[in-house]
Amino acid sequence: MENNFDFIAIGDITTDAFIRIKQASVYYDKKDDEEKICLTNGSKIPYESLTIAPAVGNSPNAAVSAARLGLSSALVADLGDDEFGRQDIETLKGNGVDTSFVRVHKDKKSNYHFVLWYRAERTILIKHEEYEYALPDMGNPKWIYFSSVGENSIPYHHAIADYLNKNPRVKLAFQPGTFQIKLGYEKLKDLYARTEVFFCNKEEAQIILGNKEESDIPTLARKMSGLGPKISVITDGPRGAFAFDGTDVWFMPPYPDPAPPLERTGAGDSFSSTFTVALALGKSVDEALSWGPINSMSVVQHVGAQEGLLTREKLEEYLANRPQDYQPRKV
């Protein structure tokens, strides 16, 4: 294949329907150690607005992020032969993402998720349609970015690992989705072994490592790299992010929000994809760590995961005007 892309994202694509609600409450469940949203059962709950965001999901968000930052970007994904799927493809093209590797399945539905948007947080009702996953001839991209896929995809993971082993110059960024996190390490160890940079949050790291008692993030990052990734990045929400580069652990605070976050969908995707793009552009780990939070800051000022994604020019403008204490530091 003549056109070898800078960045190919692999993973499921969906349409998100954001339903903004006010008549709800949040409580902390001590037993499950989780915050939970509460609605009155059996009642009619008014909603404020409905916003439709096509062509989203961890990997599509990353593909759009890479394109907006100036890389040649493509997506490997599966769609149904329906109006939602056609809208997804047109949206990707409009964002500069190549859709040559997007497969349309006849008589199948496209993924469609409902997002309950309460205050700045969201609770997503998901349903992964089942497709027969197959890896296309992708040529030799510089980077592959792999994230969330459906539960029938274990052979697909091994096919990707096999492709990477046959193409050692291709680098992998792995941002596991919910199903991949639940699978743990053992079933995906061939993929972990070929990972250049790995992304998850603190709680996800504890699940993957099987150690919910360990709360020190630098320790979690080192242990994660012990599974194979050369670089392990662990985020801790508004408290910042940590990256282990094989020698040192770096900490990066969040970029200050210009206003309270409107809605947090896609904050993690924008951080991880922007970090990966920085590496693809030859930046060091600590430099990449300073790029990621800027795009996250921008994304949470908008509805949905893609509207706030920055161009490289705009991101570098924020970086040039950063506060004095917005600096990576070794810990």
C-alpha atoms as a PDB file:
ATOM      1  CA  MET A   1       0.000   0.000   0.000  1.00  0.00           C
ATOM      2  CA  GLU A   2       1.535   3.288  -1.100  1.00  0.00           C
ATOM      3  CA  ASN A   3      -0.165   5.530   1.453  1.00  0.00           C
ATOM      4  CA  ASN A   4       1.390   4.554   4.783  1.00  0.00           C
ATOM      5  CA  PHE A   5      -0.400   6.609   7.406  1.00  0.00           C
ATOM      6  CA  ASP A   6       1.177   8.326  10.381  1.00  0.00           C
ATOM      7  CA  PHE A   7      -1.616   7.162  12.661  1.00  0.00           C
ATOM      8  CA  ILE A   8      -4.238   4.414  12.359  1.00  0.00           C
ATOM      9  CA  ALA A   9      -6.789   4.021  15.139  1.00  0.00           C
ATOM     10  CA  ILE A  10      -8.516   0.658  15.614  1.00  0.00           C
ATOM     11  CA  GLY A  11     -11.724   0.292  17.597  1.00  0.00           C
ATOM     12  CA  ASP A  12     -15.488   0.558  17.695  1.00  0.00           C
ATOM     13  CA  ILE A  13     -17.394   3.589  16.489  1.00  0.00           C
ATOM     14  CA  THR A  14     -20.750   4.830  17.720  1.00  0.00           C
ATOM     15  CA  THR A  15     -23.193   7.703  17.781  1.00  0.00           C
ATOM     16  CA  ASP A  16     -23.696   9.329  21.192  1.00  0.00           C
ATOM     17  CA  ALA A  17     -27.036  10.895  22.085  1.00  0.00           C
ATOM     18  CA  PHE A  18     -26.447  13.318  24.984  1.00  0.00           C
ATOM     19  CA  ILE A  19     -29.535  13.700  27.149  1.00  0.00           C
ATOM     20  CA  ARG A  20     -29.058  16.539  29.622  1.00  0.00           C
ATOM     21  CA  ILE A  21     -30.970  16.091  32.884  1.00  0.00           C
ATOM     22  CA  LYS A  22     -31.314  18.048  36.110  1.00  0.00           C
ATOM     23  CA  GLN A  23     -33.751  16.003  38.192  1.00  0.00           C
ATOM     24  CA  ALA A  24     -31.257  13.475  39.528  1.00  0.00           C
ATOM     25  CA  SER A  25     -28.911  13.024  42.472  1.00  0.00           C
ATOM     26  CA  VAL A  26     -25.546  11.427  43.125  1.00  0.00           C
ATOM     27  CA  TYR A  27     -24.688   9.382  46.191  1.00  0.00           C
ATOM     28  CA  TYR A  28     -21.589   7.515  47.316  1.00  0.00           C
ATOM     29  CA  ASP A  29     -22.000   3.747  47.654  1.00  0.00           C
ATOM     30  CA  LYS A  30     -19.538   2.671  50.363  1.00  0.00           C
ATOM     31  CA  LYS A  31     -19.965  -1.021  49.571  1.00  0.00           C
ATOM     32  CA  ASP A  32     -18.953  -0.650  45.902  1.00  0.00           C
ATOM     33  CA  ASP A  33     -16.710   2.391  46.495  1.00  0.00           C
ATOM     34  CA  GLU A  34     -18.478   4.209  43.673  1.00  0.00           C
ATOM     35  CA  GLU A  35     -20.564   7.286  43.037  1.00  0.00           C
ATOM     36  CA  LYS A  36     -23.980   6.386  41.637  1.00  0.00           C
ATOM     37  CA  ILE A  37     -26.623   8.435  39.884  1.00  0.00           C
ATOM     38  CA  CYS A  38     -30.164   8.177  41.190  1.00  0.00           C
ATOM     39  CA  LEU A  39     -33.412   8.806  39.281  1.00  0.00           C
ATOM     40  CA  THR A  40     -36.916   8.384  40.627  1.00  0.00           C
ATOM     41  CA  ASN A  41     -38.094   4.951  39.500  1.00  0.00           C
ATOM     42  CA  GLY A  42     -41.420   4.807  37.687  1.00  0.00           C
ATOM     43  CA  SER A  43     -41.653   8.552  37.116  1.00  0.00           C
ATOM     44  CA  LYS A  44     -41.351  10.877  34.130  1.00  0.00           C
ATOM     45  CA  ILE A  45     -37.981  12.633  34.179  1.00  0.00           C
ATOM     46  CA  PRO A  46     -37.814  15.846  32.147  1.00  0.00           C
ATOM     47  CA  TYR A  47     -34.699  16.497  30.115  1.00  0.00           C
ATOM     48  CA  GLU A  48     -33.224  19.835  29.102  1.00  0.00           C
ATOM     49  CA  SER A  49     -31.691  19.081  25.718  1.00  0.00           C
ATOM     50  CA  LEU A  50     -30.651  16.382  23.254  1.00  0.00           C
ATOM     51  CA  THR A  51     -27.330  16.622  21.393  1.00  0.00           C
ATOM     52  CA  ILE A  52     -26.311  14.025  18.799  1.00  0.00           C
ATOM     53  CA  ALA A  53     -22.577  13.333  18.334  1.00  0.00           C
ATOM     54  CA  PRO A  54     -21.841  10.950  15.420  1.00  0.00           C
ATOM     55  CA  ALA A  55     -18.601   9.054  14.729  1.00  0.00           C
ATOM     56  CA  VAL A  56     -17.355   8.939  18.318  1.00  0.00           C
ATOM     57  CA  GLY A  57     -15.771   6.306  20.560  1.00  0.00           C
ATOM     58  CA  ASN A  58     -12.245   5.998  21.950  1.00  0.00           C
ATOM     59  CA  SER A  59     -10.589   5.186  18.631  1.00  0.00           C
ATOM     60  CA  PRO A  60     -12.586   7.517  16.355  1.00  0.00           C
ATOM     61  CA  ASN A  61     -11.920  10.315  18.839  1.00  0.00           C
ATOM     62  CA  ALA A  62      -8.208   9.533  18.668  1.00  0.00           C
ATOM     63  CA  ALA A  63      -8.253   9.458  14.853  1.00  0.00           C
ATOM     64  CA  VAL A  64      -9.903  12.890  14.721  1.00  0.00           C
ATOM     65  CA  SER A  65      -7.473  14.233  17.329  1.00  0.00           C
ATOM     66  CA  ALA A  66      -4.491  13.044  15.269  1.00  0.00           C
ATOM     67  CA  ALA A  67      -5.894  14.519  12.054  1.00  0.00           C
ATOM     68  CA  ARG A  68      -6.552  17.853  13.698  1.00  0.00           C
ATOM     69  CA  LEU A  69      -2.983  17.910  15.032  1.00  0.00           C
ATOM     70  CA  GLY A  70      -1.644  17.426  11.520  1.00  0.00           C
ATOM     71  CA  LEU A  71      -0.968  13.710  11.111  1.00  0.00           C
ATOM     72  CA  SER A  72      -2.264  11.580   8.248  1.00  0.00           C
ATOM     73  CA  SER A  73      -4.929   9.597  10.091  1.00  0.00           C
ATOM     74  CA  ALA A  74      -7.218   6.652   9.359  1.00  0.00           C
ATOM     75  CA  LEU A  75      -9.700   4.505  11.260  1.00  0.00           C
ATOM     76  CA  VAL A  76     -10.285   0.748  11.274  1.00  0.00           C
ATOM     77  CA  ALA A  77     -13.854   0.176  12.440  1.00  0.00           C
ATOM     78  CA  ASP A  78     -17.107  -1.632  11.672  1.00  0.00           C
ATOM     79  CA  LEU A  79     -20.511  -0.131  10.930  1.00  0.00           C
ATOM     80  CA  GLY A  80     -23.986  -1.217  10.046  1.00  0.00           C
ATOM     81  CA  ASP A  81     -25.615  -0.445   6.713  1.00  0.00           C
ATOM     82  CA  ASP A  82     -27.924   2.223   8.086  1.00  0.00           C
ATOM     83  CA  GLU A  83     -28.338   5.988   8.305  1.00  0.00           C
ATOM     84  CA  PHE A  84     -26.270   6.239  11.487  1.00  0.00           C
ATOM     85  CA  GLY A  85     -23.375   4.429   9.812  1.00  0.00           C
ATOM     86  CA  ARG A  86     -23.508   6.659   6.755  1.00  0.00           C
ATOM     87  CA  GLN A  87     -23.518   9.736   8.964  1.00  0.00           C
ATOM     88  CA  ASP A  88     -20.501   8.379  10.874  1.00  0.00           C
ATOM     89  CA  ILE A  89     -18.514   7.978   7.657  1.00  0.00           C
ATOM     90  CA  GLU A  90     -19.348  11.476   6.429  1.00  0.00           C
ATOM     91  CA  THR A  91     -18.402  12.929   9.819  1.00  0.00           C
ATOM     92  CA  LEU A  92     -15.030  11.159   9.776  1.00  0.00           C
ATOM     93  CA  LYS A  93     -14.308  12.417   6.274  1.00  0.00           C
ATOM     94  CA  GLY A  94     -15.291  15.931   7.304  1.00  0.00           C
ATOM     95  CA  ASN A  95     -12.724  15.719  10.088  1.00  0.00           C
ATOM     96  CA  GLY A  96      -9.923  14.642   7.750  1.00  0.00           C
ATOM     97  CA  VAL A  97      -9.919  10.964   8.749  1.00  0.00           C
ATOM     98  CA  ASP A  98      -9.444   8.395   5.986  1.00  0.00           C
ATOM     99  CA  THR A  99     -12.284   5.830   5.964  1.00  0.00           C
ATOM    100  CA  SER A 100     -10.779   3.263   3.574  1.00  0.00           C
ATOM    101  CA  PHE A 101     -10.579   0.710   6.398  1.00  0.00           C
ATOM    102  CA  VAL A 102     -14.115   1.235   7.736  1.00  0.00           C
ATOM    103  CA  ARG A 103     -16.204  -1.837   6.886  1.00  0.00           C
ATOM    104  CA  VAL A 104     -19.960  -1.590   6.336  1.00  0.00           C
ATOM    105  CA  HIS A 105     -21.888  -4.753   7.258  1.00  0.00           C
ATOM    106  CA  LYS A 106     -25.085  -5.412   5.343  1.00  0.00           C
ATOM    107  CA  ASP A 107     -28.174  -6.080   7.485  1.00  0.00           C
ATOM    108  CA  LYS A 108     -26.322  -4.960  10.634  1.00  0.00           C
ATOM    109  CA  LYS A 109     -27.026  -1.976  12.873  1.00  0.00           C
ATOM    110  CA  SER A 110     -24.489   0.678  13.781  1.00  0.00           C
ATOM    111  CA  ASN A 111     -23.634   1.278  17.428  1.00  0.00           C
ATOM    112  CA  TYR A 112     -25.774   3.894  19.167  1.00  0.00           C
ATOM    113  CA  HIS A 113     -25.283   4.938  22.794  1.00  0.00           C
ATOM    114  CA  PHE A 114     -27.330   7.084  25.150  1.00  0.00           C
ATOM    115  CA  VAL A 115     -25.482   9.493  27.439  1.00  0.00           C
ATOM    116  CA  LEU A 116     -27.165  10.707  30.616  1.00  0.00           C
ATOM    117  CA  TRP A 117     -25.513  14.086  31.148  1.00  0.00           C
ATOM    118  CA  TYR A 118     -25.832  15.309  34.717  1.00  0.00           C
ATOM    119  CA  ARG A 119     -23.787  18.324  35.829  1.00  0.00           C
ATOM    120  CA  ALA A 120     -20.289  17.876  34.312  1.00  0.00           C
ATOM    121  CA  GLU A 121     -20.341  14.059  34.377  1.00  0.00           C
ATOM    122  CA  ARG A 122     -21.951  11.500  32.100  1.00  0.00           C
ATOM    123  CA  THR A 123     -23.311   7.982  32.473  1.00  0.00           C
ATOM    124  CA  ILE A 124     -23.318   6.111  29.177  1.00  0.00           C
ATOM    125  CA  LEU A 125     -25.798   3.385  28.255  1.00  0.00           C
ATOM    126  CA  ILE A 126     -23.850   1.233  25.819  1.00  0.00           C
ATOM    127  CA  LYS A 127     -24.635  -1.619  23.451  1.00  0.00           C
ATOM    128  CA  HIS A 128     -21.921  -3.063  21.226  1.00  0.00           C
ATOM    129  CA  GLU A 129     -23.317  -4.574  18.048  1.00  0.00           C
ATOM    130  CA  GLU A 130     -21.509  -7.786  17.121  1.00  0.00           C
ATOM    131  CA  TYR A 131     -19.419  -7.702  13.951  1.00  0.00           C
ATOM    132  CA  GLU A 132     -17.006 -10.227  12.518  1.00  0.00           C
ATOM    133  CA  TYR A 133     -13.797  -8.361  13.266  1.00  0.00           C
ATOM    134  CA  ALA A 134     -11.056  -8.684  10.653  1.00  0.00           C
ATOM    135  CA  LEU A 135      -7.811  -6.761  10.267  1.00  0.00           C
ATOM    136  CA  PRO A 136      -7.459  -5.108   6.840  1.00  0.00           C
ATOM    137  CA  ASP A 137      -4.243  -4.595   4.896  1.00  0.00           C
ATOM    138  CA  MET A 138      -3.117  -1.412   6.632  1.00  0.00           C
ATOM    139  CA  GLY A 139       0.311  -1.115   5.073  1.00  0.00           C
ATOM    140  CA  ASN A 140       2.990   0.117   7.471  1.00  0.00           C
ATOM    141  CA  PRO A 141       1.746   3.042   9.522  1.00  0.00           C
ATOM    142  CA  LYS A 142       4.082   4.713  11.999  1.00  0.00           C
ATOM    143  CA  TRP A 143       1.630   4.239  14.860  1.00  0.00           C
ATOM    144  CA  ILE A 144      -1.410   2.100  15.640  1.00  0.00           C
ATOM    145  CA  TYR A 145      -3.764   3.285  18.362  1.00  0.00           C
ATOM    146  CA  PHE A 146      -5.938   0.466  19.695  1.00  0.00           C
ATOM    147  CA  SER A 147      -8.854   0.869  22.064  1.00  0.00           C
ATOM    148  CA  SER A 148     -12.381  -0.298  22.855  1.00  0.00           C
ATOM    149  CA  VAL A 149     -13.966  -3.184  20.927  1.00  0.00           C
ATOM    150  CA  GLY A 150     -16.789  -5.646  21.646  1.00  0.00           C
ATOM    151  CA  GLU A 151     -16.678  -8.793  23.744  1.00  0.00           C
ATOM    152  CA  ASN A 152     -16.433 -11.140  20.742  1.00  0.00           C
ATOM    153  CA  SER A 153     -13.034  -9.705  19.824  1.00  0.00           C
ATOM    154  CA  ILE A 154     -10.398 -11.814  21.614  1.00  0.00           C
ATOM    155  CA  PRO A 155      -9.085 -13.363  18.340  1.00  0.00           C
ATOM    156  CA  TYR A 156      -8.935  -9.829  16.917  1.00  0.00           C
ATOM    157  CA  HIS A 157      -6.525  -8.816  19.678  1.00  0.00           C
ATOM    158  CA  HIS A 158      -4.229 -11.706  18.821  1.00  0.00           C
ATOM    159  CA  ALA A 159      -4.408 -10.834  15.112  1.00  0.00           C
ATOM    160  CA  ILE A 160      -3.264  -7.294  15.931  1.00  0.00           C
ATOM    161  CA  ALA A 161      -0.415  -8.629  18.083  1.00  0.00           C
ATOM    162  CA  ASP A 162       0.603 -10.958  15.250  1.00  0.00           C
ATOM    163  CA  TYR A 163       0.573  -8.064  12.755  1.00  0.00           C
ATOM    164  CA  LEU A 164       2.771  -6.013  15.094  1.00  0.00           C
ATOM    165  CA  ASN A 165       5.248  -8.860  15.518  1.00  0.00           C
ATOM    166  CA  LYS A 166       5.510  -9.165  11.731  1.00  0.00           C
ATOM    167  CA  ASN A 167       5.935  -5.389  11.409  1.00  0.00           C
ATOM    168  CA  PRO A 168       8.347  -4.471  14.219  1.00  0.00           C
ATOM    169  CA  ARG A 169       8.754  -0.845  13.096  1.00  0.00           C
ATOM    170  CA  VAL A 170       5.065  -0.121  13.723  1.00  0.00           C
ATOM    171  CA  LYS A 171       4.489   1.249  17.225  1.00  0.00           C
ATOM    172  CA  LEU A 172       1.405   0.544  19.321  1.00  0.00           C
ATOM    173  CA  ALA A 173      -0.479   2.857  21.657  1.00  0.00           C
ATOM    174  CA  PHE A 174      -2.929   0.811  23.724  1.00  0.00           C
ATOM    175  CA  GLN A 175      -5.794   2.475  25.588  1.00  0.00           C
ATOM    176  CA  PRO A 176      -7.953  -0.438  26.774  1.00  0.00           C
ATOM    177  CA  GLY A 177     -11.712  -0.098  26.936  1.00  0.00           C
ATOM    178  CA  THR A 178     -14.003  -1.571  29.590  1.00  0.00           C
ATOM    179  CA  PHE A 179     -14.024  -5.121  28.175  1.00  0.00           C
ATOM    180  CA  GLN A 180     -10.260  -5.164  27.634  1.00  0.00           C
ATOM    181  CA  ILE A 181      -9.666  -3.995  31.207  1.00  0.00           C
ATOM    182  CA  LYS A 182     -11.887  -6.740  32.596  1.00  0.00           C
ATOM    183  CA  LEU A 183      -9.968  -9.312  30.553  1.00  0.00           C
ATOM    184  CA  GLY A 184      -6.831  -8.462  32.507  1.00  0.00           C
ATOM    185  CA  TYR A 185      -3.273  -9.114  31.450  1.00  0.00           C
ATOM    186  CA  GLU A 186      -2.955 -12.860  30.861  1.00  0.00           C
ATOM    187  CA  LYS A 187      -5.398 -13.125  27.955  1.00  0.00           C
ATOM    188  CA  LEU A 188      -3.816 -10.137  26.188  1.00  0.00           C
ATOM    189  CA  LYS A 189      -0.176 -10.561  27.179  1.00  0.00           C
ATOM    190  CA  ASP A 190       0.982 -10.817  23.547  1.00  0.00           C
ATOM    191  CA  LEU A 191      -0.507  -7.351  22.977  1.00  0.00           C
ATOM    192  CA  TYR A 192       0.983  -5.880  26.159  1.00  0.00           C
ATOM    193  CA  ALA A 193       4.374  -7.210  25.086  1.00  0.00           C
ATOM    194  CA  ARG A 194       4.233  -5.132  21.873  1.00  0.00           C
ATOM    195  CA  THR A 195       2.899  -1.944  23.431  1.00  0.00           C
ATOM    196  CA  GLU A 196       5.026   1.166  23.079  1.00  0.00           C
ATOM    197  CA  VAL A 197       2.788   3.388  25.216  1.00  0.00           C
ATOM    198  CA  PHE A 198      -0.058   2.288  27.489  1.00  0.00           C
ATOM    199  CA  PHE A 199      -2.868   4.457  28.912  1.00  0.00           C
ATOM    200  CA  CYS A 200      -5.351   3.937  31.720  1.00  0.00           C
ATOM    201  CA  ASN A 201      -6.539   5.656  34.874  1.00  0.00           C
ATOM    202  CA  LYS A 202      -5.598   4.760  38.439  1.00  0.00           C
ATOM    203  CA  GLU A 203      -8.617   2.540  39.106  1.00  0.00           C
ATOM    204  CA  GLU A 204      -8.177   0.692  35.807  1.00  0.00           C
ATOM    205  CA  ALA A 205      -4.511   0.043  36.597  1.00  0.00           C
ATOM    206  CA  GLN A 206      -5.531  -1.500  39.919  1.00  0.00           C
ATOM    207  CA  ILE A 207      -7.969  -3.831  38.119  1.00  0.00           C
ATOM    208  CA  ILE A 208      -5.482  -4.900  35.429  1.00  0.00           C
ATOM    209  CA  LEU A 209      -2.739  -5.520  37.977  1.00  0.00           C
ATOM    210  CA  GLY A 210      -5.126  -7.266  40.361  1.00  0.00           C
ATOM    211  CA  ASN A 211      -4.066  -5.021  43.219  1.00  0.00           C
ATOM    212  CA  LYS A 212      -6.772  -2.672  44.501  1.00  0.00           C
ATOM    213  CA  GLU A 213      -4.763  -2.042  47.666  1.00  0.00           C
ATOM    214  CA  GLU A 214      -1.927  -0.297  45.791  1.00  0.00           C
ATOM    215  CA  SER A 215      -2.758   3.398  45.534  1.00  0.00           C
ATOM    216  CA  ASP A 216       0.667   4.876  44.744  1.00  0.00           C
ATOM    217  CA  ILE A 217       0.485   5.811  41.069  1.00  0.00           C
ATOM    218  CA  PRO A 218       4.263   5.824  40.370  1.00  0.00           C
ATOM    219  CA  THR A 219       4.349   2.259  41.708  1.00  0.00           C
ATOM    220  CA  LEU A 220       1.366   1.292  39.541  1.00  0.00           C
ATOM    221  CA  ALA A 221       3.067   2.793  36.471  1.00  0.00           C
ATOM    222  CA  ARG A 222       6.258   0.821  37.088  1.00  0.00           C
ATOM    223  CA  LYS A 223       4.286  -2.393  37.611  1.00  0.00           C
ATOM    224  CA  MET A 224       2.330  -1.756  34.429  1.00  0.00           C
ATOM    225  CA  SER A 225       5.539  -1.468  32.437  1.00  0.00           C
ATOM    226  CA  GLY A 226       6.579  -4.757  33.988  1.00  0.00           C
ATOM    227  CA  LEU A 227       3.839  -6.310  31.819  1.00  0.00           C
ATOM    228  CA  GLY A 228       5.528  -5.104  28.628  1.00  0.00           C
ATOM    229  CA  PRO A 229       4.731  -1.482  27.747  1.00  0.00           C
ATOM    230  CA  LYS A 230       7.817   0.684  27.251  1.00  0.00           C
ATOM    231  CA  ILE A 231       5.929   3.760  28.492  1.00  0.00           C
ATOM    232  CA  SER A 232       3.073   3.563  30.996  1.00  0.00           C
ATOM    233  CA  VAL A 233       0.795   6.558  31.494  1.00  0.00           C
ATOM    234  CA  ILE A 234      -1.712   6.614  34.340  1.00  0.00           C
ATOM    235  CA  THR A 235      -4.171   9.458  34.793  1.00  0.00           C
ATOM    236  CA  ASP A 236      -5.774  10.531  38.049  1.00  0.00           C
ATOM    237  CA  GLY A 237      -8.628  12.752  36.916  1.00  0.00           C
ATOM    238  CA  PRO A 238      -8.343  16.412  37.916  1.00  0.00           C
ATOM    239  CA  ARG A 239      -5.313  15.591  40.069  1.00  0.00           C
ATOM    240  CA  GLY A 240      -3.060  15.127  37.027  1.00  0.00           C
ATOM    241  CA  ALA A 241      -1.197  12.357  35.207  1.00  0.00           C
ATOM    242  CA  PHE A 242       1.930  10.231  35.638  1.00  0.00           C
ATOM    243  CA  ALA A 243       4.184   8.651  33.008  1.00  0.00           C
ATOM    244  CA  PHE A 244       6.924   6.050  33.496  1.00  0.00           C
ATOM    245  CA  ASP A 245       9.425   6.119  30.626  1.00  0.00           C
ATOM    246  CA  GLY A 246      11.394   3.047  31.685  1.00  0.00           C
ATOM    247  CA  THR A 247      13.743   5.063  33.882  1.00  0.00           C
ATOM    248  CA  ASP A 248      11.889   7.962  35.487  1.00  0.00           C
ATOM    249  CA  VAL A 249       8.338   8.689  36.601  1.00  0.00           C
ATOM    250  CA  TRP A 250       7.040  12.096  35.510  1.00  0.00           C
ATOM    251  CA  PHE A 251       4.093  13.985  36.957  1.00  0.00           C
ATOM    252  CA  MET A 252       2.029  16.550  35.071  1.00  0.00           C
ATOM    253  CA  PRO A 253      -0.668  18.753  36.623  1.00  0.00           C
ATOM    254  CA  PRO A 254      -3.837  19.544  34.662  1.00  0.00           C
ATOM    255  CA  TYR A 255      -3.927  22.604  32.441  1.00  0.00           C
ATOM    256  CA  PRO A 256      -6.120  25.222  34.164  1.00  0.00           C
ATOM    257  CA  ASP A 257      -9.720  25.296  32.959  1.00  0.00           C
ATOM    258  CA  PRO A 258     -10.783  28.691  31.578  1.00  0.00           C
ATOM    259  CA  ALA A 259     -14.268  27.940  32.950  1.00  0.00           C
ATOM    260  CA  PRO A 260     -15.859  25.068  34.887  1.00  0.00           C
ATOM    261  CA  PRO A 261     -16.013  21.919  32.701  1.00  0.00           C
ATOM    262  CA  LEU A 262     -19.216  21.692  30.706  1.00  0.00           C
ATOM    263  CA  GLU A 263     -19.094  17.937  30.099  1.00  0.00           C
ATOM    264  CA  ARG A 264     -16.213  15.435  30.475  1.00  0.00           C
ATOM    265  CA  THR A 265     -16.791  12.927  27.661  1.00  0.00           C
ATOM    266  CA  GLY A 266     -13.596  12.337  25.681  1.00  0.00           C
ATOM    267  CA  ALA A 267     -11.201  13.940  28.171  1.00  0.00           C
ATOM    268  CA  GLY A 268      -9.208  10.716  28.478  1.00  0.00           C
ATOM    269  CA  ASP A 269      -9.241  10.039  24.735  1.00  0.00           C
ATOM    270  CA  SER A 270      -7.977  13.528  23.946  1.00  0.00           C
ATOM    271  CA  PHE A 271      -5.185  13.226  26.499  1.00  0.00           C
ATOM    272  CA  SER A 272      -4.025   9.790  25.318  1.00  0.00           C
ATOM    273  CA  SER A 273      -4.227  10.528  21.600  1.00  0.00           C
ATOM    274  CA  THR A 274      -2.451  13.877  21.975  1.00  0.00           C
ATOM    275  CA  PHE A 275       0.324  12.261  24.015  1.00  0.00           C
ATOM    276  CA  THR A 276       0.710   9.659  21.240  1.00  0.00           C
ATOM    277  CA  VAL A 277       0.763  12.299  18.504  1.00  0.00           C
ATOM    278  CA  ALA A 278       3.502  14.161  20.368  1.00  0.00           C
ATOM    279  CA  LEU A 279       5.597  10.983  20.468  1.00  0.00           C
ATOM    280  CA  ALA A 280       4.934  10.440  16.748  1.00  0.00           C
ATOM    281  CA  LEU A 281       6.249  13.950  16.129  1.00  0.00           C
ATOM    282  CA  GLY A 282       9.488  13.117  17.937  1.00  0.00           C
ATOM    283  CA  LYS A 283       8.683  14.721  21.290  1.00  0.00           C
ATOM    284  CA  SER A 284      10.092  13.299  24.528  1.00  0.00           C
ATOM    285  CA  VAL A 285       7.872  11.689  27.172  1.00  0.00           C
ATOM    286  CA  ASP A 286       7.891  14.772  29.386  1.00  0.00           C
ATOM    287  CA  GLU A 287       7.047  17.000  26.394  1.00  0.00           C
ATOM    288  CA  ALA A 288       4.216  14.663  25.369  1.00  0.00           C
ATOM    289  CA  LEU A 289       2.956  14.785  28.938  1.00  0.00           C
ATOM    290  CA  SER A 290       2.661  18.568  28.675  1.00  0.00           C
ATOM    291  CA  TRP A 291       0.640  18.316  25.431  1.00  0.00           C
ATOM    292  CA  GLY A 292      -2.074  15.913  26.586  1.00  0.00           C
ATOM    293  CA  PRO A 293      -3.802  17.956  29.310  1.00  0.00           C
ATOM    294  CA  ILE A 294      -4.185  20.955  27.005  1.00  0.00           C
ATOM    295  CA  ASN A 295      -6.458  19.076  24.624  1.00  0.00           C
ATOM    296  CA  SER A 296      -8.363  17.590  27.576  1.00  0.00           C
ATOM    297  CA  MET A 297      -8.913  21.076  28.972  1.00  0.00           C
ATOM    298  CA  SER A 298     -10.334  22.194  25.628  1.00  0.00           C
ATOM    299  CA  VAL A 299     -12.560  19.146  25.117  1.00  0.00           C
ATOM    300  CA  VAL A 300     -14.367  19.456  28.464  1.00  0.00           C
ATOM    301  CA  GLN A 301     -15.434  22.990  27.532  1.00  0.00           C
ATOM    302  CA  HIS A 302     -17.697  21.513  24.825  1.00  0.00           C
ATOM    303  CA  VAL A 303     -20.391  18.861  24.452  1.00  0.00           C
ATOM    304  CA  GLY A 304     -19.042  15.562  23.136  1.00  0.00           C
ATOM    305  CA  ALA A 305     -15.571  14.217  22.587  1.00  0.00           C
ATOM    306  CA  GLN A 306     -14.523  15.945  19.357  1.00  0.00           C
ATOM    307  CA  GLU A 307     -15.807  19.511  19.105  1.00  0.00           C
ATOM    308  CA  GLY A 308     -13.091  20.895  21.371  1.00  0.00           C
ATOM    309  CA  LEU A 309     -10.141  19.028  19.846  1.00  0.00           C
ATOM    310  CA  LEU A 310      -7.391  21.497  18.977  1.00  0.00           C
ATOM    311  CA  THR A 311      -5.217  22.114  15.952  1.00  0.00           C
ATOM    312  CA  ARG A 312      -1.476  21.905  16.520  1.00  0.00           C
ATOM    313  CA  GLU A 313      -1.187  25.673  16.105  1.00  0.00           C
ATOM    314  CA  LYS A 314      -3.771  26.324  18.812  1.00  0.00           C
ATOM    315  CA  LEU A 315      -2.301  23.705  21.173  1.00  0.00           C
ATOM    316  CA  GLU A 316       1.170  25.215  20.833  1.00  0.00           C
ATOM    317  CA  GLU A 317      -0.340  28.640  21.517  1.00  0.00           C
ATOM    318  CA  TYR A 318      -1.747  27.371  24.818  1.00  0.00           C
ATOM    319  CA  LEU A 319       1.616  25.759  25.579  1.00  0.00           C
ATOM    320  CA  ALA A 320       3.466  29.013  24.908  1.00  0.00           C
ATOM    321  CA  ASN A 321       1.099  30.862  27.262  1.00  0.00           C
ATOM    322  CA  ARG A 322       1.026  28.215  29.978  1.00  0.00           C
ATOM    323  CA  PRO A 323       1.155  29.155  33.659  1.00  0.00           C
ATOM    324  CA  GLN A 324       4.605  29.053  35.243  1.00  0.00           C
ATOM    325  CA  ASP A 325       3.768  25.968  37.319  1.00  0.00           C
ATOM    326  CA  TYR A 326       2.466  23.978  34.328  1.00  0.00           C
ATOM    327  CA  GLN A 327       5.631  21.925  33.972  1.00  0.00           C
ATOM    328  CA  PRO A 328       6.382  18.191  34.059  1.00  0.00           C
ATOM    329  CA  ARG A 329       8.504  17.107  37.002  1.00  0.00           C
ATOM    330  CA  LYS A 330      10.184  13.894  38.072  1.00  0.00           C
ATOM    331  CA  VAL A 331       8.774  12.183  41.160  1.00  0.00           C
END
